[in-house]
């Protein structure tokens, strides 16, 4: 029960804003749809790791969510840390944004 509440809070206040920020940047850069879909999949794949960390370190979750909200925390860094296997996708996204 409590883990479901934590998962909801992490998904709502951490993953969704991070994913939205990255997707907005990709849309502005007119990135290929495949890159956008891969980033979405990575953000979804990162959710269990983020929920686990938020459960173990609630203060980290609050700081990270607040930092993402005010722009001092990089969404890419949070996703890269939570799901290291998404590094290649995030590099492709960064390339698309910087082009």
C-alpha atoms as a PDB file:
ATOM      1  CA  UNK A   1       0.000   0.000   0.000  1.00  0.00           C
ATOM      2  CA  UNK A   2       2.658   2.529   1.016  1.00  0.00           C
ATOM      3  CA  UNK A   3       4.877   1.476  -1.888  1.00  0.00           C
ATOM      4  CA  UNK A   4       1.971   2.182  -4.255  1.00  0.00           C
ATOM      5  CA  UNK A   5       1.610   5.679  -2.809  1.00  0.00           C
ATOM      6  CA  UNK A   6       5.351   6.303  -3.129  1.00  0.00           C
ATOM      7  CA  UNK A   7       5.282   5.012  -6.723  1.00  0.00           C
ATOM      8  CA  UNK A   8       2.417   7.369  -7.532  1.00  0.00           C
ATOM      9  CA  UNK A   9       4.189  10.347  -5.975  1.00  0.00           C
ATOM     10  CA  UNK A  10       7.474   9.590  -7.739  1.00  0.00           C
ATOM     11  CA  UNK A  11       5.701   9.107 -11.061  1.00  0.00           C
ATOM     12  CA  UNK A  12       3.695  12.308 -10.651  1.00  0.00           C
ATOM     13  CA  UNK A  13       6.235  14.679  -9.151  1.00  0.00           C
ATOM     14  CA  UNK A  14       9.530  13.355 -10.475  1.00  0.00           C
ATOM     15  CA  UNK A  15       9.269  11.170 -13.573  1.00  0.00           C
ATOM     16  CA  UNK A  16       6.449  13.038 -15.332  1.00  0.00           C
ATOM     17  CA  UNK A  17       8.080  16.483 -15.075  1.00  0.00           C
ATOM     18  CA  UNK A  18      11.478  15.112 -16.090  1.00  0.00           C
ATOM     19  CA  UNK A  19       9.971  13.267 -19.031  1.00  0.00           C
ATOM     20  CA  UNK A  20       7.952  16.318 -20.040  1.00  0.00           C
ATOM     21  CA  UNK A  21      11.019  18.571 -19.968  1.00  0.00           C
ATOM     22  CA  UNK A  22      13.020  16.218 -22.158  1.00  0.00           C
ATOM     23  CA  UNK A  23      10.124  15.702 -24.561  1.00  0.00           C
ATOM     24  CA  UNK A  24       9.562  19.463 -24.849  1.00  0.00           C
ATOM     25  CA  UNK A  25      13.226  19.963 -25.709  1.00  0.00           C
ATOM     26  CA  UNK A  26      13.078  17.167 -28.279  1.00  0.00           C
ATOM     27  CA  UNK A  27       9.918  18.579 -29.834  1.00  0.00           C
ATOM     28  CA  UNK A  28      11.471  22.039 -30.069  1.00  0.00           C
ATOM     29  CA  UNK A  29      14.510  20.495 -31.749  1.00  0.00           C
ATOM     30  CA  UNK A  30      12.255  18.495 -34.088  1.00  0.00           C
ATOM     31  CA  UNK A  31      13.883  15.253 -33.028  1.00  0.00           C
ATOM     32  CA  UNK A  32      12.879  12.053 -34.795  1.00  0.00           C
ATOM     33  CA  UNK A  33       9.835  10.304 -33.371  1.00  0.00           C
ATOM     34  CA  UNK A  34      11.927   7.202 -32.694  1.00  0.00           C
ATOM     35  CA  UNK A  35      14.213   9.146 -30.337  1.00  0.00           C
ATOM     36  CA  UNK A  36      11.221  10.596 -28.492  1.00  0.00           C
ATOM     37  CA  UNK A  37       9.687   7.126 -28.113  1.00  0.00           C
ATOM     38  CA  UNK A  38      12.966   5.713 -26.812  1.00  0.00           C
ATOM     39  CA  UNK A  39      13.270   8.486 -24.241  1.00  0.00           C
ATOM     40  CA  UNK A  40       9.711   7.821 -23.086  1.00  0.00           C
ATOM     41  CA  UNK A  41      10.516   4.117 -22.739  1.00  0.00           C
ATOM     42  CA  UNK A  42      13.648   4.906 -20.726  1.00  0.00           C
ATOM     43  CA  UNK A  43      11.758   7.223 -18.391  1.00  0.00           C
ATOM     44  CA  UNK A  44       9.205   4.471 -17.825  1.00  0.00           C
ATOM     45  CA  UNK A  45      11.976   1.915 -17.276  1.00  0.00           C
ATOM     46  CA  UNK A  46      13.630   4.218 -14.721  1.00  0.00           C
ATOM     47  CA  UNK A  47      10.485   4.418 -12.573  1.00  0.00           C
ATOM     48  CA  UNK A  48      11.143   1.296 -10.430  1.00  0.00           C
ATOM     49  CA  UNK A  49      14.698   2.425  -9.638  1.00  0.00           C
ATOM     50  CA  UNK A  50      13.481   5.915  -8.786  1.00  0.00           C
ATOM     51  CA  UNK A  51      10.711   4.543  -6.575  1.00  0.00           C
ATOM     52  CA  UNK A  52      13.213   2.346  -4.759  1.00  0.00           C
ATOM     53  CA  UNK A  53      15.588   5.250  -4.185  1.00  0.00           C
ATOM     54  CA  UNK A  54      12.771   7.572  -3.110  1.00  0.00           C
ATOM     55  CA  UNK A  55      11.578   4.956  -0.632  1.00  0.00           C
ATOM     56  CA  UNK A  56      15.054   4.618   0.823  1.00  0.00           C
ATOM     57  CA  UNK A  57      15.937   8.325   0.645  1.00  0.00           C
ATOM     58  CA  UNK A  58      12.815  10.515   0.828  1.00  0.00           C
ATOM     59  CA  UNK A  59      14.882  13.674   1.228  1.00  0.00           C
ATOM     60  CA  UNK A  60      16.680  12.886  -2.066  1.00  0.00           C
ATOM     61  CA  UNK A  61      13.295  12.589  -3.790  1.00  0.00           C
ATOM     62  CA  UNK A  62      12.134  15.961  -2.454  1.00  0.00           C
ATOM     63  CA  UNK A  63      15.414  17.691  -3.396  1.00  0.00           C
ATOM     64  CA  UNK A  64      15.453  16.111  -6.844  1.00  0.00           C
ATOM     65  CA  UNK A  65      11.819  16.938  -7.612  1.00  0.00           C
ATOM     66  CA  UNK A  66      12.285  20.516  -6.407  1.00  0.00           C
ATOM     67  CA  UNK A  67      15.546  20.870  -8.330  1.00  0.00           C
ATOM     68  CA  UNK A  68      13.882  19.614 -11.499  1.00  0.00           C
ATOM     69  CA  UNK A  69      10.998  22.015 -10.970  1.00  0.00           C
ATOM     70  CA  UNK A  70      13.226  25.089 -10.583  1.00  0.00           C
ATOM     71  CA  UNK A  71      15.689  23.940 -13.235  1.00  0.00           C
ATOM     72  CA  UNK A  72      18.785  23.240 -11.159  1.00  0.00           C
ATOM     73  CA  UNK A  73      18.567  19.471 -11.605  1.00  0.00           C
ATOM     74  CA  UNK A  74      19.149  18.063 -15.060  1.00  0.00           C
ATOM     75  CA  UNK A  75      16.435  15.611 -16.134  1.00  0.00           C
ATOM     76  CA  UNK A  76      18.987  13.713 -18.174  1.00  0.00           C
ATOM     77  CA  UNK A  77      21.255  13.270 -15.153  1.00  0.00           C
ATOM     78  CA  UNK A  78      18.425  11.894 -13.026  1.00  0.00           C
ATOM     79  CA  UNK A  79      17.358   9.421 -15.710  1.00  0.00           C
ATOM     80  CA  UNK A  80      20.961   8.482 -16.489  1.00  0.00           C
ATOM     81  CA  UNK A  81      21.598   7.756 -12.819  1.00  0.00           C
ATOM     82  CA  UNK A  82      18.386   5.760 -12.367  1.00  0.00           C
ATOM     83  CA  UNK A  83      18.682   3.804 -15.621  1.00  0.00           C
ATOM     84  CA  UNK A  84      22.309   3.664 -16.806  1.00  0.00           C
ATOM     85  CA  UNK A  85      21.271   1.422 -19.696  1.00  0.00           C
ATOM     86  CA  UNK A  86      19.495   4.446 -21.192  1.00  0.00           C
ATOM     87  CA  UNK A  87      22.765   6.299 -21.694  1.00  0.00           C
ATOM     88  CA  UNK A  88      22.855   5.707 -25.448  1.00  0.00           C
ATOM     89  CA  UNK A  89      19.264   6.906 -25.858  1.00  0.00           C
ATOM     90  CA  UNK A  90      19.934  10.017 -23.795  1.00  0.00           C
ATOM     91  CA  UNK A  91      23.075  10.710 -25.846  1.00  0.00           C
ATOM     92  CA  UNK A  92      20.981  10.456 -29.026  1.00  0.00           C
ATOM     93  CA  UNK A  93      18.425  12.810 -27.497  1.00  0.00           C
ATOM     94  CA  UNK A  94      21.144  15.264 -26.523  1.00  0.00           C
ATOM     95  CA  UNK A  95      22.528  15.143 -30.069  1.00  0.00           C
ATOM     96  CA  UNK A  96      19.064  15.837 -31.471  1.00  0.00           C
ATOM     97  CA  UNK A  97      18.552  18.768 -29.094  1.00  0.00           C
ATOM     98  CA  UNK A  98      21.954  20.304 -29.801  1.00  0.00           C
ATOM     99  CA  UNK A  99      21.640  19.992 -33.593  1.00  0.00           C
END
